[in-house]
PDB file of all heavy atoms in Angstrom:
ATOM      1  N   VAL A   1     151.581  92.324  63.364  1.00  0.00           N
ATOM      2  CA  VAL A   1     151.354  93.199  64.518  1.00  0.00           C
ATOM      3  C   VAL A   1     151.163  94.648  64.067  1.00  0.00           C
ATOM      4  O   VAL A   1     150.292  95.365  64.592  1.00  0.00           O
ATOM      5  CB  VAL A   1     152.536  93.073  65.505  1.00  0.00           C
ATOM      6  CG1 VAL A   1     152.418  94.102  66.611  1.00  0.00           C
ATOM      7  CG2 VAL A   1     152.584  91.673  66.100  1.00  0.00           C
ATOM      8  N   ALA A   2     151.938  95.089  63.096  1.00  0.00           N
ATOM      9  CA  ALA A   2     151.794  96.461  62.589  1.00  0.00           C
ATOM     10  C   ALA A   2     150.437  96.666  61.928  1.00  0.00           C
ATOM     11  O   ALA A   2     149.799  97.712  62.101  1.00  0.00           O
ATOM     12  CB  ALA A   2     152.920  96.773  61.607  1.00  0.00           C
ATOM     13  N   ALA A   3     149.971  95.667  61.161  1.00  0.00           N
ATOM     14  CA  ALA A   3     148.660  95.785  60.517  1.00  0.00           C
ATOM     15  C   ALA A   3     147.544  95.871  61.548  1.00  0.00           C
ATOM     16  O   ALA A   3     146.603  96.667  61.412  1.00  0.00           O
ATOM     17  CB  ALA A   3     148.441  94.589  59.591  1.00  0.00           C
ATOM     18  N   ILE A   4     147.629  95.064  62.605  1.00  0.00           N
ATOM     19  CA  ILE A   4     146.609  95.113  63.661  1.00  0.00           C
ATOM     20  C   ILE A   4     146.655  96.449  64.398  1.00  0.00           C
ATOM     21  O   ILE A   4     145.617  97.033  64.728  1.00  0.00           O
ATOM     22  CB  ILE A   4     146.801  93.934  64.627  1.00  0.00           C
ATOM     23  CG1 ILE A   4     146.568  92.611  63.901  1.00  0.00           C
ATOM     24  CG2 ILE A   4     145.871  94.048  65.827  1.00  0.00           C
ATOM     25  CD1 ILE A   4     146.886  91.387  64.726  1.00  0.00           C
ATOM     26  N   ALA A   5     147.859  96.950  64.644  1.00  0.00           N
ATOM     27  CA  ALA A   5     147.980  98.238  65.329  1.00  0.00           C
ATOM     28  C   ALA A   5     147.403  99.383  64.497  1.00  0.00           C
ATOM     29  O   ALA A   5     146.802 100.316  65.042  1.00  0.00           O
ATOM     30  CB  ALA A   5     149.449  98.513  65.649  1.00  0.00           C
ATOM     31  N   LEU A   6     147.556  99.309  63.177  1.00  0.00           N
ATOM     32  CA  LEU A   6     146.994 100.357  62.321  1.00  0.00           C
ATOM     33  C   LEU A   6     145.472 100.319  62.310  1.00  0.00           C
ATOM     34  O   LEU A   6     144.813 101.362  62.289  1.00  0.00           O
ATOM     35  CB  LEU A   6     147.533 100.203  60.898  1.00  0.00           C
ATOM     36  CG  LEU A   6     148.988 100.615  60.670  1.00  0.00           C
ATOM     37  CD1 LEU A   6     149.422 100.282  59.258  1.00  0.00           C
ATOM     38  CD2 LEU A   6     149.170 102.109  60.930  1.00  0.00           C
ATOM     39  N   THR A   7     144.892  99.129  62.324  1.00  0.00           N
ATOM     40  CA  THR A   7     143.428  99.040  62.298  1.00  0.00           C
ATOM     41  C   THR A   7     142.801  99.427  63.624  1.00  0.00           C
ATOM     42  O   THR A   7     141.643  99.832  63.658  1.00  0.00           O
ATOM     43  CB  THR A   7     142.989  97.608  61.944  1.00  0.00           C
ATOM     44  OG1 THR A   7     143.574  96.696  62.888  1.00  0.00           O
ATOM     45  CG2 THR A   7     143.440  97.238  60.557  1.00  0.00           C
ATOM     46  N   LEU A   8     143.550  99.328  64.723  1.00  0.00           N
ATOM     47  CA  LEU A   8     143.006  99.646  66.044  1.00  0.00           C
ATOM     48  C   LEU A   8     143.325 101.068  66.483  1.00  0.00           C
ATOM     49  O   LEU A   8     143.201 101.383  67.660  1.00  0.00           O
ATOM     50  CB  LEU A   8     143.546  98.659  67.084  1.00  0.00           C
ATOM     51  CG  LEU A   8     143.085  97.207  66.925  1.00  0.00           C
ATOM     52  CD1 LEU A   8     143.719  96.335  67.995  1.00  0.00           C
ATOM     53  CD2 LEU A   8     141.567  97.112  66.999  1.00  0.00           C
ATOM     54  N   ARG A   9     143.736 101.913  65.570  1.00  0.00           N
ATOM     55  CA  ARG A   9     144.056 103.280  65.967  1.00  0.00           C
ATOM     56  C   ARG A   9     142.781 104.034  66.370  1.00  0.00           C
ATOM     57  O   ARG A   9     141.694 103.726  65.894  1.00  0.00           O
ATOM     58  CB  ARG A   9     144.757 104.018  64.822  1.00  0.00           C
ATOM     59  CG  ARG A   9     143.838 104.481  63.712  1.00  0.00           C
ATOM     60  CD  ARG A   9     144.634 105.040  62.548  1.00  0.00           C
ATOM     61  NE  ARG A   9     143.818 105.787  61.616  1.00  0.00           N
ATOM     62  CZ  ARG A   9     143.074 105.249  60.681  1.00  0.00           C
ATOM     63  NH1 ARG A   9     143.019 103.938  60.560  1.00  0.00           N
ATOM     64  NH2 ARG A   9     142.358 106.005  59.858  1.00  0.00           N
ATOM     65  N   ARG A  10     142.947 104.996  67.225  1.00  0.00           N
ATOM     66  CA  ARG A  10     141.806 105.740  67.743  1.00  0.00           C
ATOM     67  C   ARG A  10     141.435 106.876  66.804  1.00  0.00           C
ATOM     68  O   ARG A  10     142.291 107.629  66.347  1.00  0.00           O
ATOM     69  CB  ARG A  10     142.147 106.309  69.125  1.00  0.00           C
ATOM     70  CG  ARG A  10     142.373 105.241  70.178  1.00  0.00           C
ATOM     71  CD  ARG A  10     141.087 104.518  70.502  1.00  0.00           C
ATOM     72  NE  ARG A  10     141.291 103.451  71.478  1.00  0.00           N
ATOM     73  CZ  ARG A  10     140.332 102.653  71.903  1.00  0.00           C
ATOM     74  NH1 ARG A  10     139.111 102.788  71.439  1.00  0.00           N
ATOM     75  NH2 ARG A  10     140.592 101.708  72.784  1.00  0.00           N
ATOM     76  N   ARG A  11     140.138 107.000  66.540  1.00  0.00           N
ATOM     77  CA  ARG A  11     139.629 108.107  65.736  1.00  0.00           C
ATOM     78  C   ARG A  11     138.925 109.079  66.679  1.00  0.00           C
ATOM     79  O   ARG A  11     138.156 108.657  67.545  1.00  0.00           O
ATOM     80  CB  ARG A  11     138.684 107.593  64.663  1.00  0.00           C
ATOM     81  CG  ARG A  11     139.354 106.682  63.651  1.00  0.00           C
ATOM     82  CD  ARG A  11     138.331 106.163  62.636  1.00  0.00           C
ATOM     83  NE  ARG A  11     138.968 105.351  61.598  1.00  0.00           N
ATOM     84  CZ  ARG A  11     139.200 104.064  61.699  1.00  0.00           C
ATOM     85  NH1 ARG A  11     138.860 103.414  62.792  1.00  0.00           N
ATOM     86  NH2 ARG A  11     139.769 103.391  60.719  1.00  0.00           N
ATOM     87  N   PRO A  12     139.137 110.383  66.498  1.00  0.00           N
ATOM     88  CA  PRO A  12     138.613 111.342  67.496  1.00  0.00           C
ATOM     89  C   PRO A  12     137.089 111.419  67.528  1.00  0.00           C
ATOM     90  O   PRO A  12     136.525 111.723  68.569  1.00  0.00           O
ATOM     91  CB  PRO A  12     139.238 112.673  67.050  1.00  0.00           C
ATOM     92  CG  PRO A  12     139.564 112.481  65.602  1.00  0.00           C
ATOM     93  CD  PRO A  12     139.919 111.038  65.445  1.00  0.00           C
ATOM     94  N   PHE A  13     136.404 111.174  66.416  1.00  0.00           N
ATOM     95  CA  PHE A  13     134.953 111.348  66.368  1.00  0.00           C
ATOM     96  C   PHE A  13     134.196 110.016  66.366  1.00  0.00           C
ATOM     97  O   PHE A  13     133.047 109.960  65.959  1.00  0.00           O
ATOM     98  CB  PHE A  13     134.578 112.152  65.118  1.00  0.00           C
ATOM     99  CG  PHE A  13     135.233 113.504  65.071  1.00  0.00           C
ATOM    100  CD1 PHE A  13     136.286 113.749  64.211  1.00  0.00           C
ATOM    101  CD2 PHE A  13     134.811 114.529  65.912  1.00  0.00           C
ATOM    102  CE1 PHE A  13     136.906 114.989  64.171  1.00  0.00           C
ATOM    103  CE2 PHE A  13     135.420 115.768  65.872  1.00  0.00           C
ATOM    104  CZ  PHE A  13     136.469 116.001  65.005  1.00  0.00           C
ATOM    105  N   THR A  14     134.841 108.962  66.802  1.00  0.00           N
ATOM    106  CA  THR A  14     134.197 107.648  66.848  1.00  0.00           C
ATOM    107  C   THR A  14     134.030 107.211  68.289  1.00  0.00           C
ATOM    108  O   THR A  14     134.948 107.336  69.097  1.00  0.00           O
ATOM    109  CB  THR A  14     135.050 106.615  66.078  1.00  0.00           C
ATOM    110  OG1 THR A  14     135.246 107.074  64.746  1.00  0.00           O
ATOM    111  CG2 THR A  14     134.344 105.265  66.033  1.00  0.00           C
ATOM    112  N   LYS A  15     132.852 106.710  68.611  1.00  0.00           N
ATOM    113  CA  LYS A  15     132.566 106.238  69.964  1.00  0.00           C
ATOM    114  C   LYS A  15     132.940 104.770  70.075  1.00  0.00           C
ATOM    115  O   LYS A  15     132.624 103.978  69.193  1.00  0.00           O
ATOM    116  CB  LYS A  15     131.091 106.433  70.302  1.00  0.00           C
ATOM    117  CG  LYS A  15     130.670 107.900  70.376  1.00  0.00           C
ATOM    118  CD  LYS A  15     129.211 108.023  70.762  1.00  0.00           C
ATOM    119  CE  LYS A  15     128.794 109.495  70.862  1.00  0.00           C
ATOM    120  NZ  LYS A  15     127.363 109.626  71.238  1.00  0.00           N
ATOM    121  N   TYR A  16     133.610 104.408  71.144  1.00  0.00           N
ATOM    122  CA  TYR A  16     134.076 103.042  71.364  1.00  0.00           C
ATOM    123  C   TYR A  16     133.465 102.489  72.644  1.00  0.00           C
ATOM    124  O   TYR A  16     133.249 103.224  73.616  1.00  0.00           O
ATOM    125  CB  TYR A  16     135.606 102.993  71.474  1.00  0.00           C
ATOM    126  CG  TYR A  16     136.330 103.358  70.203  1.00  0.00           C
ATOM    127  CD1 TYR A  16     136.719 104.670  69.967  1.00  0.00           C
ATOM    128  CD2 TYR A  16     136.623 102.395  69.246  1.00  0.00           C
ATOM    129  CE1 TYR A  16     137.378 105.017  68.802  1.00  0.00           C
ATOM    130  CE2 TYR A  16     137.290 102.737  68.087  1.00  0.00           C
ATOM    131  CZ  TYR A  16     137.675 104.043  67.867  1.00  0.00           C
ATOM    132  OH  TYR A  16     138.327 104.380  66.716  1.00  0.00           O
ATOM    133  N   GLN A  17     133.186 101.222  72.624  1.00  0.00           N
ATOM    134  CA  GLN A  17     132.765 100.533  73.831  1.00  0.00           C
ATOM    135  C   GLN A  17     133.985 100.066  74.614  1.00  0.00           C
ATOM    136  O   GLN A  17     134.987  99.672  74.030  1.00  0.00           O
ATOM    137  CB  GLN A  17     131.883  99.330  73.479  1.00  0.00           C
ATOM    138  CG  GLN A  17     130.529  99.705  72.932  1.00  0.00           C
ATOM    139  CD  GLN A  17     129.665  98.487  72.706  1.00  0.00           C
ATOM    140  OE1 GLN A  17     130.142  97.366  72.746  1.00  0.00           O
ATOM    141  NE2 GLN A  17     128.385  98.714  72.470  1.00  0.00           N
ATOM    142  N   LYS A  18     133.875 100.100  75.927  1.00  0.00           N
ATOM    143  CA  LYS A  18     134.945  99.634  76.802  1.00  0.00           C
ATOM    144  C   LYS A  18     134.411  98.468  77.631  1.00  0.00           C
ATOM    145  O   LYS A  18     133.733  98.670  78.654  1.00  0.00           O
ATOM    146  CB  LYS A  18     135.428 100.761  77.709  1.00  0.00           C
ATOM    147  CG  LYS A  18     136.071 101.902  76.921  1.00  0.00           C
ATOM    148  CD  LYS A  18     136.607 102.989  77.831  1.00  0.00           C
ATOM    149  CE  LYS A  18     137.289 104.084  77.016  1.00  0.00           C
ATOM    150  NZ  LYS A  18     137.820 105.168  77.880  1.00  0.00           N
ATOM    151  N   PRO A  19     134.663  97.244  77.167  1.00  0.00           N
ATOM    152  CA  PRO A  19     134.088  96.077  77.854  1.00  0.00           C
ATOM    153  C   PRO A  19     134.520  95.956  79.315  1.00  0.00           C
ATOM    154  O   PRO A  19     133.749  95.504  80.150  1.00  0.00           O
ATOM    155  CB  PRO A  19     134.600  94.890  77.031  1.00  0.00           C
ATOM    156  CG  PRO A  19     134.936  95.469  75.697  1.00  0.00           C
ATOM    157  CD  PRO A  19     135.404  96.858  75.975  1.00  0.00           C
ATOM    158  N   GLU A  20     135.755  96.381  79.632  1.00  0.00           N
ATOM    159  CA  GLU A  20     136.216  96.242  81.011  1.00  0.00           C
ATOM    160  C   GLU A  20     135.406  97.109  81.967  1.00  0.00           C
ATOM    161  O   GLU A  20     135.120  96.723  83.101  1.00  0.00           O
ATOM    162  CB  GLU A  20     137.709  96.586  81.113  1.00  0.00           C
ATOM    163  CG  GLU A  20     138.089  98.033  80.823  1.00  0.00           C
ATOM    164  CD  GLU A  20     138.231  98.341  79.339  1.00  0.00           C
ATOM    165  OE1 GLU A  20     137.945  97.443  78.535  1.00  0.00           O
ATOM    166  OE2 GLU A  20     138.634  99.466  79.014  1.00  0.00           O
ATOM    167  N   LYS A  21     134.956  98.281  81.514  1.00  0.00           N
ATOM    168  CA  LYS A  21     134.120  99.136  82.344  1.00  0.00           C
ATOM    169  C   LYS A  21     132.679  98.632  82.390  1.00  0.00           C
ATOM    170  O   LYS A  21     131.991  98.789  83.404  1.00  0.00           O
ATOM    171  CB  LYS A  21     134.156 100.577  81.828  1.00  0.00           C
ATOM    172  CG  LYS A  21     135.493 101.259  82.017  1.00  0.00           C
ATOM    173  CD  LYS A  21     135.424 102.724  81.636  1.00  0.00           C
ATOM    174  CE  LYS A  21     136.754 103.430  81.916  1.00  0.00           C
ATOM    175  NZ  LYS A  21     136.687 104.875  81.562  1.00  0.00           N
ATOM    176  N   GLN A  22     132.214  98.029  81.283  1.00  0.00           N
ATOM    177  CA  GLN A  22     130.865  97.488  81.272  1.00  0.00           C
ATOM    178  C   GLN A  22     130.738  96.297  82.224  1.00  0.00           C
ATOM    179  O   GLN A  22     129.709  96.113  82.876  1.00  0.00           O
ATOM    180  CB  GLN A  22     130.486  97.064  79.850  1.00  0.00           C
ATOM    181  CG  GLN A  22     130.350  98.239  78.900  1.00  0.00           C
ATOM    182  CD  GLN A  22     130.093  97.788  77.474  1.00  0.00           C
ATOM    183  OE1 GLN A  22     130.271  96.617  77.160  1.00  0.00           O
ATOM    184  NE2 GLN A  22     129.687  98.704  76.622  1.00  0.00           N
ATOM    185  N   VAL A  23     131.774  95.477  82.316  1.00  0.00           N
ATOM    186  CA  VAL A  23     131.728  94.322  83.199  1.00  0.00           C
ATOM    187  C   VAL A  23     131.835  94.746  84.670  1.00  0.00           C
ATOM    188  O   VAL A  23     131.187  94.161  85.554  1.00  0.00           O
ATOM    189  CB  VAL A  23     132.865  93.334  82.834  1.00  0.00           C
ATOM    190  CG1 VAL A  23     132.941  92.198  83.854  1.00  0.00           C
ATOM    191  CG2 VAL A  23     132.636  92.763  81.445  1.00  0.00           C
ATOM    192  N   ALA A  24     132.619  95.763  84.940  1.00  0.00           N
ATOM    193  CA  ALA A  24     132.849  96.188  86.324  1.00  0.00           C
ATOM    194  C   ALA A  24     131.772  97.121  86.859  1.00  0.00           C
ATOM    195  O   ALA A  24     131.868  97.582  88.003  1.00  0.00           O
ATOM    196  CB  ALA A  24     134.205  96.874  86.426  1.00  0.00           C
ATOM    197  N   VAL A  25     130.744  97.410  86.101  1.00  0.00           N
ATOM    198  CA  VAL A  25     129.715  98.346  86.534  1.00  0.00           C
ATOM    199  C   VAL A  25     128.870  97.720  87.639  1.00  0.00           C
ATOM    200  O   VAL A  25     128.666  96.509  87.703  1.00  0.00           O
ATOM    201  CB  VAL A  25     128.841  98.769  85.333  1.00  0.00           C
ATOM    202  CG1 VAL A  25     127.950  97.629  84.895  1.00  0.00           C
ATOM    203  CG2 VAL A  25     128.024  99.998  85.677  1.00  0.00           C
ATOM    204  N   ARG A  26     128.363  98.565  88.567  1.00  0.00           N
ATOM    205  CA  ARG A  26     127.498  98.115  89.660  1.00  0.00           C
ATOM    206  C   ARG A  26     126.115  98.718  89.485  1.00  0.00           C
ATOM    207  O   ARG A  26     125.915  99.689  88.753  1.00  0.00           O
ATOM    208  CB  ARG A  26     128.090  98.529  91.002  1.00  0.00           C
ATOM    209  CG  ARG A  26     129.462  97.900  91.292  1.00  0.00           C
ATOM    210  CD  ARG A  26     130.010  98.431  92.592  1.00  0.00           C
ATOM    211  NE  ARG A  26     130.171  99.899  92.505  1.00  0.00           N
ATOM    212  CZ  ARG A  26     130.518 100.663  93.549  1.00  0.00           C
ATOM    213  NH1 ARG A  26     130.709 100.100  94.735  1.00  0.00           N
ATOM    214  NH2 ARG A  26     130.658 101.957  93.403  1.00  0.00           N
ATOM    215  N   SER A  27     125.170  98.099  90.188  1.00  0.00           N
ATOM    216  CA  SER A  27     123.793  98.595  90.074  1.00  0.00           C
ATOM    217  C   SER A  27     123.668 100.016  90.602  1.00  0.00           C
ATOM    218  O   SER A  27     122.870 100.819  90.103  1.00  0.00           O
ATOM    219  CB  SER A  27     122.840  97.669  90.822  1.00  0.00           C
ATOM    220  OG  SER A  27     123.206  97.595  92.202  1.00  0.00           O
ATOM    221  N   ALA A  28     124.479 100.345  91.613  1.00  0.00           N
ATOM    222  CA  ALA A  28     124.405 101.702  92.165  1.00  0.00           C
ATOM    223  C   ALA A  28     124.881 102.756  91.176  1.00  0.00           C
ATOM    224  O   ALA A  28     124.512 103.928  91.282  1.00  0.00           O
ATOM    225  CB  ALA A  28     125.235 101.785  93.448  1.00  0.00           C
ATOM    226  N   ASP A  29     125.727 102.342  90.220  1.00  0.00           N
ATOM    227  CA  ASP A  29     126.206 103.293  89.215  1.00  0.00           C
ATOM    228  C   ASP A  29     125.174 103.556  88.137  1.00  0.00           C
ATOM    229  O   ASP A  29     125.247 104.578  87.447  1.00  0.00           O
ATOM    230  CB  ASP A  29     127.488 102.759  88.574  1.00  0.00           C
ATOM    231  CG  ASP A  29     128.596 102.563  89.598  1.00  0.00           C
ATOM    232  OD1 ASP A  29     128.616 103.317  90.588  1.00  0.00           O
ATOM    233  OD2 ASP A  29     129.422 101.640  89.392  1.00  0.00           O
ATOM    234  N   ARG A  30     124.225 102.657  87.959  1.00  0.00           N
ATOM    235  CA  ARG A  30     123.249 102.768  86.881  1.00  0.00           C
ATOM    236  C   ARG A  30     121.862 103.208  87.343  1.00  0.00           C
ATOM    237  O   ARG A  30     121.127 103.835  86.613  1.00  0.00           O
ATOM    238  CB  ARG A  30     123.127 101.406  86.169  1.00  0.00           C
ATOM    239  CG  ARG A  30     124.409 100.927  85.512  1.00  0.00           C
ATOM    240  CD  ARG A  30     124.813 101.813  84.365  1.00  0.00           C
ATOM    241  NE  ARG A  30     125.959 101.277  83.631  1.00  0.00           N
ATOM    242  CZ  ARG A  30     126.548 101.893  82.619  1.00  0.00           C
ATOM    243  NH1 ARG A  30     126.104 103.062  82.217  1.00  0.00           N
ATOM    244  NH2 ARG A  30     127.595 101.358  82.009  1.00  0.00           N
ATOM    245  N   LEU A  31     121.523 102.843  88.598  1.00  0.00           N
ATOM    246  CA  LEU A  31     120.158 103.067  89.067  1.00  0.00           C
ATOM    247  C   LEU A  31     120.190 103.754  90.423  1.00  0.00           C
ATOM    248  O   LEU A  31     120.944 103.341  91.321  1.00  0.00           O
ATOM    249  CB  LEU A  31     119.403 101.727  89.177  1.00  0.00           C
ATOM    250  CG  LEU A  31     117.976 101.799  89.704  1.00  0.00           C
ATOM    251  CD1 LEU A  31     117.092 102.562  88.737  1.00  0.00           C
ATOM    252  CD2 LEU A  31     117.415 100.394  89.943  1.00  0.00           C
ATOM    253  N   ARG A  32     119.394 104.772  90.574  1.00  0.00           N
ATOM    254  CA  ARG A  32     119.270 105.470  91.844  1.00  0.00           C
ATOM    255  C   ARG A  32     117.801 105.510  92.239  1.00  0.00           C
ATOM    256  O   ARG A  32     116.957 105.988  91.467  1.00  0.00           O
ATOM    257  CB  ARG A  32     119.833 106.885  91.742  1.00  0.00           C
ATOM    258  CG  ARG A  32     119.846 107.614  93.089  1.00  0.00           C
ATOM    259  CD  ARG A  32     120.471 108.987  92.969  1.00  0.00           C
ATOM    260  NE  ARG A  32     119.669 109.845  92.095  1.00  0.00           N
ATOM    261  CZ  ARG A  32     119.939 111.146  91.890  1.00  0.00           C
ATOM    262  NH1 ARG A  32     120.994 111.694  92.456  1.00  0.00           N
ATOM    263  NH2 ARG A  32     119.180 111.860  91.092  1.00  0.00           N
ATOM    264  N   VAL A  33     117.507 104.979  93.404  1.00  0.00           N
ATOM    265  CA  VAL A  33     116.135 104.941  93.916  1.00  0.00           C
ATOM    266  C   VAL A  33     115.914 106.174  94.795  1.00  0.00           C
ATOM    267  O   VAL A  33     116.651 106.401  95.775  1.00  0.00           O
ATOM    268  CB  VAL A  33     115.873 103.649  94.716  1.00  0.00           C
ATOM    269  CG1 VAL A  33     114.451 103.634  95.258  1.00  0.00           C
ATOM    270  CG2 VAL A  33     116.142 102.436  93.837  1.00  0.00           C
ATOM    271  N   VAL A  34     114.942 106.945  94.444  1.00  0.00           N
ATOM    272  CA  VAL A  34     114.623 108.180  95.171  1.00  0.00           C
ATOM    273  C   VAL A  34     113.286 107.985  95.876  1.00  0.00           C
ATOM    274  O   VAL A  34     112.280 107.626  95.237  1.00  0.00           O
ATOM    275  CB  VAL A  34     114.566 109.381  94.218  1.00  0.00           C
ATOM    276  CG1 VAL A  34     114.217 110.656  94.980  1.00  0.00           C
ATOM    277  CG2 VAL A  34     115.894 109.541  93.495  1.00  0.00           C
ATOM    278  N   LYS A  35     113.275 108.175  97.173  1.00  0.00           N
ATOM    279  CA  LYS A  35     112.044 108.079  97.957  1.00  0.00           C
ATOM    280  C   LYS A  35     111.417 109.459  98.073  1.00  0.00           C
ATOM    281  O   LYS A  35     112.051 110.411  98.530  1.00  0.00           O
ATOM    282  CB  LYS A  35     112.351 107.516  99.342  1.00  0.00           C
ATOM    283  CG  LYS A  35     112.806 106.065  99.314  1.00  0.00           C
ATOM    284  CD  LYS A  35     113.018 105.542 100.721  1.00  0.00           C
ATOM    285  CE  LYS A  35     113.450 104.080 100.679  1.00  0.00           C
ATOM    286  NZ  LYS A  35     113.642 103.512 102.067  1.00  0.00           N
ATOM    287  N   MET A  36     110.185 109.544  97.684  1.00  0.00           N
ATOM    288  CA  MET A  36     109.448 110.807  97.751  1.00  0.00           C
ATOM    289  C   MET A  36     108.139 110.583  98.501  1.00  0.00           C
ATOM    290  O   MET A  36     107.518 109.520  98.360  1.00  0.00           O
ATOM    291  CB  MET A  36     109.169 111.342  96.344  1.00  0.00           C
ATOM    292  CG  MET A  36     110.422 111.628  95.543  1.00  0.00           C
ATOM    293  SD  MET A  36     110.055 112.221  93.889  1.00  0.00           S
ATOM    294  CE  MET A  36     109.169 113.733  94.284  1.00  0.00           C
ATOM    295  N   SER A  37     107.774 111.544  99.226  1.00  0.00           N
ATOM    296  CA  SER A  37     106.492 111.467  99.949  1.00  0.00           C
ATOM    297  C   SER A  37     105.341 111.662  98.972  1.00  0.00           C
ATOM    298  O   SER A  37     105.438 112.417  98.014  1.00  0.00           O
ATOM    299  CB  SER A  37     106.455 112.500 101.061  1.00  0.00           C
ATOM    300  OG  SER A  37     106.621 113.802 100.492  1.00  0.00           O
ATOM    301  N   SER A  38     104.312 110.954  99.207  1.00  0.00           N
ATOM    302  CA  SER A  38     103.138 111.059  98.328  1.00  0.00           C
ATOM    303  C   SER A  38     102.446 112.375  98.521  1.00  0.00           C
ATOM    304  O   SER A  38     102.439 112.964  99.612  1.00  0.00           O
ATOM    305  CB  SER A  38     102.193 109.893  98.587  1.00  0.00           C
ATOM    306  OG  SER A  38     101.745 109.953  99.929  1.00  0.00           O
ATOM    307  N   GLU A  39     101.833 112.853  97.516  1.00  0.00           N
ATOM    308  CA  GLU A  39     101.110 114.102  97.570  1.00  0.00           C
ATOM    309  C   GLU A  39      99.650 113.849  97.230  1.00  0.00           C
ATOM    310  O   GLU A  39      99.347 113.059  96.322  1.00  0.00           O
ATOM    311  CB  GLU A  39     101.709 115.135  96.584  1.00  0.00           C
ATOM    312  CG  GLU A  39     103.143 115.526  96.919  1.00  0.00           C
ATOM    313  CD  GLU A  39     103.679 116.526  95.921  1.00  0.00           C
ATOM    314  OE1 GLU A  39     102.926 116.864  94.982  1.00  0.00           O
ATOM    315  OE2 GLU A  39     104.829 116.966  96.081  1.00  0.00           O
ATOM    316  N   ASP A  40      98.820 114.518  97.928  1.00  0.00           N
ATOM    317  CA  ASP A  40      97.385 114.384  97.687  1.00  0.00           C
ATOM    318  C   ASP A  40      96.922 115.533  96.822  1.00  0.00           C
ATOM    319  O   ASP A  40      96.935 116.701  97.243  1.00  0.00           O
ATOM    320  CB  ASP A  40      96.644 114.368  99.023  1.00  0.00           C
ATOM    321  CG  ASP A  40      95.161 114.071  98.823  1.00  0.00           C
ATOM    322  OD1 ASP A  40      94.800 113.660  97.695  1.00  0.00           O
ATOM    323  OD2 ASP A  40      94.390 114.248  99.801  1.00  0.00           O
ATOM    324  N   ARG A  41      96.610 115.221  95.631  1.00  0.00           N
ATOM    325  CA  ARG A  41      96.167 116.263  94.704  1.00  0.00           C
ATOM    326  C   ARG A  41      94.656 116.163  94.531  1.00  0.00           C
ATOM    327  O   ARG A  41      94.101 115.098  94.271  1.00  0.00           O
ATOM    328  CB  ARG A  41      96.847 116.094  93.334  1.00  0.00           C
ATOM    329  CG  ARG A  41      98.339 116.355  93.393  1.00  0.00           C
ATOM    330  CD  ARG A  41      98.913 116.298  92.019  1.00  0.00           C
ATOM    331  NE  ARG A  41     100.329 116.578  92.027  1.00  0.00           N
ATOM    332  CZ  ARG A  41     101.101 116.615  90.926  1.00  0.00           C
ATOM    333  NH1 ARG A  41     100.550 116.355  89.756  1.00  0.00           N
ATOM    334  NH2 ARG A  41     102.390 116.889  91.013  1.00  0.00           N
ATOM    335  N   LYS A  42      94.003 117.256  94.680  1.00  0.00           N
ATOM    336  CA  LYS A  42      92.562 117.319  94.512  1.00  0.00           C
ATOM    337  C   LYS A  42      92.193 118.176  93.315  1.00  0.00           C
ATOM    338  O   LYS A  42      92.839 119.147  93.042  1.00  0.00           O
ATOM    339  CB  LYS A  42      91.921 117.884  95.756  1.00  0.00           C
ATOM    340  CG  LYS A  42      92.096 117.009  96.982  1.00  0.00           C
ATOM    341  CD  LYS A  42      91.405 117.593  98.170  1.00  0.00           C
ATOM    342  CE  LYS A  42      91.559 116.725  99.416  1.00  0.00           C
ATOM    343  NZ  LYS A  42      90.892 117.294 100.587  1.00  0.00           N
TER     344      LYS A  42
END
């Protein structure tokens, strides 16, 4: 247990993935649909 705890220590300049947040994500959190009126350019 001590060896596993030492290997899983947090490093300040390393980016980590968080699977629990990746699984709980919703489409509204990732994608936003913006409706814009068309413009006529000549």
